Protein backbone atom coordinates (compact mmCIF):
# COMPACT_ATOMS: atom_id res chain seq x y z
CA MET A 1 -0.09 0.15 -0.23
CA ALA A 2 1.44 3.65 -0.68
CA SER A 3 1.94 6.15 1.91
CA SER A 4 -0.26 8.74 3.02
CA ALA A 5 -0.72 11.47 0.62
CA GLU A 6 1.21 14.74 1.67
CA PHE A 7 -0.43 17.38 -0.41
CA SER A 8 -2.29 19.52 1.78
CA GLU A 9 0.45 22.43 2.19
CA ASP A 10 0.76 22.70 -1.81
CA PHE A 11 -3.09 21.91 -2.36
CA PRO A 12 -3.96 24.07 -5.40
CA LEU A 13 -6.72 26.02 -4.95
CA PRO A 14 -7.94 27.24 -8.26
CA PHE A 15 -9.76 30.30 -7.35
CA ALA A 16 -11.31 32.27 -4.30
CA LEU A 17 -14.93 31.20 -3.97
CA ARG A 18 -17.57 33.40 -4.55
CA SER A 19 -19.60 34.84 -1.50
CA ARG A 20 -22.76 33.02 -1.78
CA ASP A 21 -25.99 33.27 0.49
CA VAL A 22 -25.82 30.21 2.62
CA ALA A 23 -28.40 28.72 4.72
CA VAL A 24 -26.27 28.15 8.13
CA SER A 25 -27.11 24.81 10.16
CA PHE A 26 -24.19 24.26 12.62
CA THR A 27 -25.28 20.88 13.19
CA SER A 28 -21.48 19.68 13.41
CA GLU A 29 -17.96 21.11 13.18
CA GLU A 30 -17.63 20.02 9.64
CA ASP A 31 -20.69 21.32 8.86
CA ARG A 32 -19.69 24.44 9.87
CA LEU A 33 -16.45 24.26 7.69
CA VAL A 34 -18.46 23.47 4.65
CA ASP A 35 -20.78 26.65 5.43
CA ALA A 36 -17.37 28.65 5.66
CA ALA A 37 -15.77 27.35 2.75
CA VAL A 38 -19.04 27.91 0.51
CA SER A 39 -18.84 31.29 1.45
CA GLY A 40 -15.37 31.98 0.43
CA ASP A 41 -13.16 31.00 3.25
CA ASP A 42 -10.30 28.87 1.62
CA GLU A 43 -8.80 28.43 5.02
CA ALA A 44 -11.76 26.03 6.37
CA PHE A 45 -11.68 23.62 2.92
CA VAL A 46 -8.12 23.59 3.40
CA ARG A 47 -8.71 21.96 7.11
CA LEU A 48 -11.74 19.75 5.22
CA VAL A 49 -8.94 18.51 3.26
CA GLU A 50 -6.73 17.89 6.23
CA ARG A 51 -9.47 15.66 7.51
CA HIS A 52 -9.82 13.21 4.62
CA GLN A 53 -7.15 13.58 2.57
CA ASP A 54 -5.51 10.34 3.74
CA LYS A 55 -8.59 8.15 3.88
CA VAL A 56 -9.32 9.39 0.41
CA PHE A 57 -6.02 9.10 -1.15
CA ARG A 58 -6.39 5.15 0.46
CA PHE A 59 -9.42 4.52 -1.42
CA CYS A 60 -7.75 5.79 -4.40
CA CYS A 61 -5.11 3.31 -4.04
CA GLN A 62 -7.45 0.49 -3.73
CA TRP A 63 -8.00 1.05 -7.17
CA LEU A 64 -4.98 2.46 -8.83
CA PRO A 65 -2.05 0.69 -8.47
CA ASN A 66 0.35 3.34 -9.43
CA GLU A 67 0.86 5.25 -6.34
CA GLU A 68 1.28 8.79 -8.54
CA ASP A 69 -2.06 7.72 -10.45
CA ALA A 70 -3.81 7.66 -7.31
CA ARG A 71 -2.25 10.42 -5.41
CA GLU A 72 -3.37 12.71 -8.72
CA ALA A 73 -6.81 11.10 -8.48
CA ALA A 74 -7.09 12.13 -4.87
CA GLN A 75 -5.71 15.52 -5.65
CA ASP A 76 -8.53 15.74 -8.25
CA THR A 77 -11.30 14.58 -6.09
CA PHE A 78 -10.67 17.84 -3.78
CA VAL A 79 -10.49 19.90 -6.77
CA LYS A 80 -14.06 18.70 -8.04
CA ALA A 81 -15.22 19.19 -4.61
CA TYR A 82 -13.98 22.45 -4.35
CA LEU A 83 -15.47 23.64 -7.55
CA ALA A 84 -18.83 21.99 -6.57
CA LEU A 85 -19.43 22.68 -2.88
CA ASP A 86 -22.25 25.02 -3.57
CA ARG A 87 -23.99 22.14 -4.74
CA TYR A 88 -23.39 19.78 -1.55
CA ARG A 89 -26.70 19.63 0.10
CA ARG A 90 -25.63 17.60 3.20
CA GLN A 91 -27.99 14.70 2.63
CA GLY A 92 -25.58 12.49 3.73
CA ARG A 93 -22.06 12.87 4.83
CA PHE A 94 -19.34 14.93 3.74
CA SER A 95 -17.22 12.30 3.20
CA THR A 96 -19.48 9.95 1.53
CA TRP A 97 -20.05 12.95 -0.80
CA LEU A 98 -15.96 13.10 -1.28
CA PHE A 99 -15.95 8.87 -1.76
CA GLN A 100 -18.57 9.68 -4.78
CA ILE A 101 -16.31 11.93 -6.47
CA ALA A 102 -13.27 9.83 -5.89
CA LEU A 103 -14.72 6.89 -6.82
CA ASN A 104 -15.47 8.80 -10.44
CA GLN A 105 -12.24 10.06 -10.71
CA CYS A 106 -10.62 6.22 -9.91
CA ARG A 107 -13.32 5.26 -12.67
CA ASP A 108 -12.36 7.70 -15.06
CA ARG A 109 -8.82 6.61 -15.29
CA LEU A 110 -9.48 3.09 -15.13
CA LYS A 111 -12.05 3.57 -18.44
CA SER A 112 -8.51 5.25 -19.76
CA LYS A 113 -6.28 2.31 -19.54
CA ALA A 114 -9.57 0.11 -20.65
CA GLY A 115 -7.78 -1.40 -23.54
CA SER A 116 -5.06 -3.13 -21.44
CA GLN A 117 -7.36 -4.39 -18.76
CA SER A 118 -9.99 -6.34 -20.80
CA ARG A 119 -11.09 -8.08 -17.47
CA ARG A 120 -12.08 -5.06 -15.79
CA THR A 121 -15.39 -4.67 -17.80
CA ASP A 122 -18.09 -4.97 -14.95
CA SER A 123 -19.08 -1.18 -14.60
CA LEU A 124 -19.22 0.71 -11.06
CA GLY A 125 -22.23 1.37 -9.58
CA SER A 126 -24.98 -0.02 -12.16
CA GLY A 127 -27.13 -1.45 -10.18
CA LYS A 128 -27.84 -4.57 -11.99
CA GLY A 129 -27.66 -8.23 -10.71
CA ALA A 130 -29.69 -10.20 -8.23
CA ASP A 131 -30.84 -8.80 -5.05
CA PHE A 132 -29.83 -11.45 -2.75
CA VAL A 133 -29.27 -10.86 0.81
CA CYS A 134 -25.95 -11.52 1.85
CA PRO A 135 -25.39 -13.25 5.47
CA SER A 136 -22.86 -12.37 8.19
CA PRO A 137 -19.81 -12.28 8.03
CA ALA A 138 -18.76 -9.54 5.52
CA PRO A 139 -17.21 -11.04 2.14
CA ASP A 140 -13.45 -10.21 3.02
CA GLU A 141 -13.89 -12.01 6.39
CA ALA A 142 -13.99 -15.08 4.21
CA VAL A 143 -10.76 -15.08 3.39
CA ALA A 144 -9.43 -13.31 6.82
CA ARG A 145 -9.59 -16.20 8.56
CA SER A 146 -5.84 -17.21 6.55
CA GLY A 147 -4.53 -14.22 7.84
CA ASP A 148 -2.64 -13.67 4.54
CA GLN A 149 -3.09 -9.88 3.55
CA GLU A 150 -1.13 -10.43 0.38
CA ARG A 151 -3.88 -13.48 -0.77
CA LEU A 152 -7.01 -11.61 0.31
CA SER A 153 -6.01 -8.54 -1.90
CA GLU A 154 -5.42 -10.44 -4.74
CA ALA A 155 -8.70 -12.02 -4.34
CA ILE A 156 -10.20 -9.00 -4.25
CA GLU A 157 -8.57 -7.64 -7.15
CA ARG A 158 -10.04 -10.68 -9.00
CA LEU A 159 -13.73 -9.79 -8.71
CA PRO A 160 -15.42 -7.86 -10.92
CA MET A 161 -15.49 -4.01 -10.28
CA SER A 162 -19.08 -3.81 -8.94
CA LEU A 163 -18.16 -6.46 -6.80
CA ARG A 164 -14.62 -5.10 -5.92
CA ALA A 165 -16.64 -1.83 -5.29
CA VAL A 166 -18.85 -3.10 -2.00
CA VAL A 167 -16.04 -5.21 -0.62
CA ILE A 168 -13.21 -1.96 -0.87
CA ILE A 169 -16.17 0.40 0.62
CA CYS A 170 -17.51 -1.50 3.53
CA GLY A 171 -14.83 -4.45 4.06
CA VAL A 172 -11.73 -2.50 3.51
CA GLU A 173 -12.69 1.41 4.48
CA GLY A 174 -15.57 -0.15 6.98
CA MET A 175 -18.66 2.25 5.59
CA SER A 176 -21.93 1.14 6.32
CA GLN A 177 -23.88 -0.33 3.54
CA GLU A 178 -26.21 2.71 3.42
CA ALA A 179 -23.03 4.96 2.98
CA CYS A 180 -22.11 2.38 -0.12
CA SER A 181 -25.32 2.71 -1.61
CA GLU A 182 -25.07 6.22 -1.43
CA ILE A 183 -21.19 6.23 -3.04
CA LEU A 184 -22.60 4.04 -5.74
CA ASN A 185 -25.99 5.26 -6.31
CA ILE A 186 -27.64 2.05 -5.79
CA SER A 187 -30.24 0.83 -2.96
CA VAL A 188 -29.23 -1.27 0.40
CA ARG A 189 -30.90 -4.08 -1.45
CA ALA A 190 -28.50 -3.98 -4.30
CA VAL A 191 -25.07 -3.80 -1.91
CA GLU A 192 -26.32 -6.77 -0.15
CA GLY A 193 -26.71 -8.88 -2.99
CA ARG A 194 -23.38 -7.70 -4.35
CA PHE A 195 -21.67 -8.55 -1.02
CA TYR A 196 -23.62 -12.13 -1.71
CA ARG A 197 -22.12 -12.32 -5.00
CA ALA A 198 -18.45 -11.59 -3.74
CA ARG A 199 -18.85 -13.61 -0.89
CA GLN A 200 -19.24 -17.04 -3.37
CA GLN A 201 -17.06 -15.72 -5.86
CA LEU A 202 -14.03 -15.09 -2.99
CA GLU A 203 -14.66 -18.47 -1.76
CA ALA A 204 -14.61 -20.37 -5.12
CA TRP A 205 -11.29 -18.52 -6.50
CA LEU A 206 -9.76 -19.84 -2.72
CA ASP A 207 -10.98 -23.35 -2.90
CA GLU A 208 -9.43 -23.69 -6.11
CA SER A 209 -6.27 -22.18 -5.27
CA GLY A 210 -6.40 -24.47 -2.68
CA THR A 211 -6.55 -22.01 0.58
């Protein structure tokens, strides 16, 4: 896994946000920072970056094997978020919104390399597939018993993207199924179905490989 991102000090703010009329909702420290950033306080946005940059970078590293690509995707995530702050409506967590943007950044980079990665053709967040309910435990736990992190990563890497997404978001990042459904723009039941299918494929691969 690549090291933590270190770009907060030189983070490229493209321009100062225009002052806007904002409905103030001080429900949390993060809400106050978002409100301040939307109102034109660049320092508030830098603080938001500092809060989330490591998690976003780590998430990008799960998708992009090249550290520099992952770093650029993480930086672009915050640039996109900066430019779209006035459209953030706090219907969910700010971190969930960032992961949505990061996922799109990673997906765009993967699509640009699709010719050399033909096995990665299953689209992220397509919402298709049977809605089976996944039993506990989470799919990554099916292989965690081996204690072999390298083999776990290899098994997850072999999953189609739509299944890999729920494993990374819920199993690796530890986010809830509700947050996963928001990030992928699918129902919670569809998330459960993908967990179910991911677990089946992980266990089948492990059986074949003799683990």
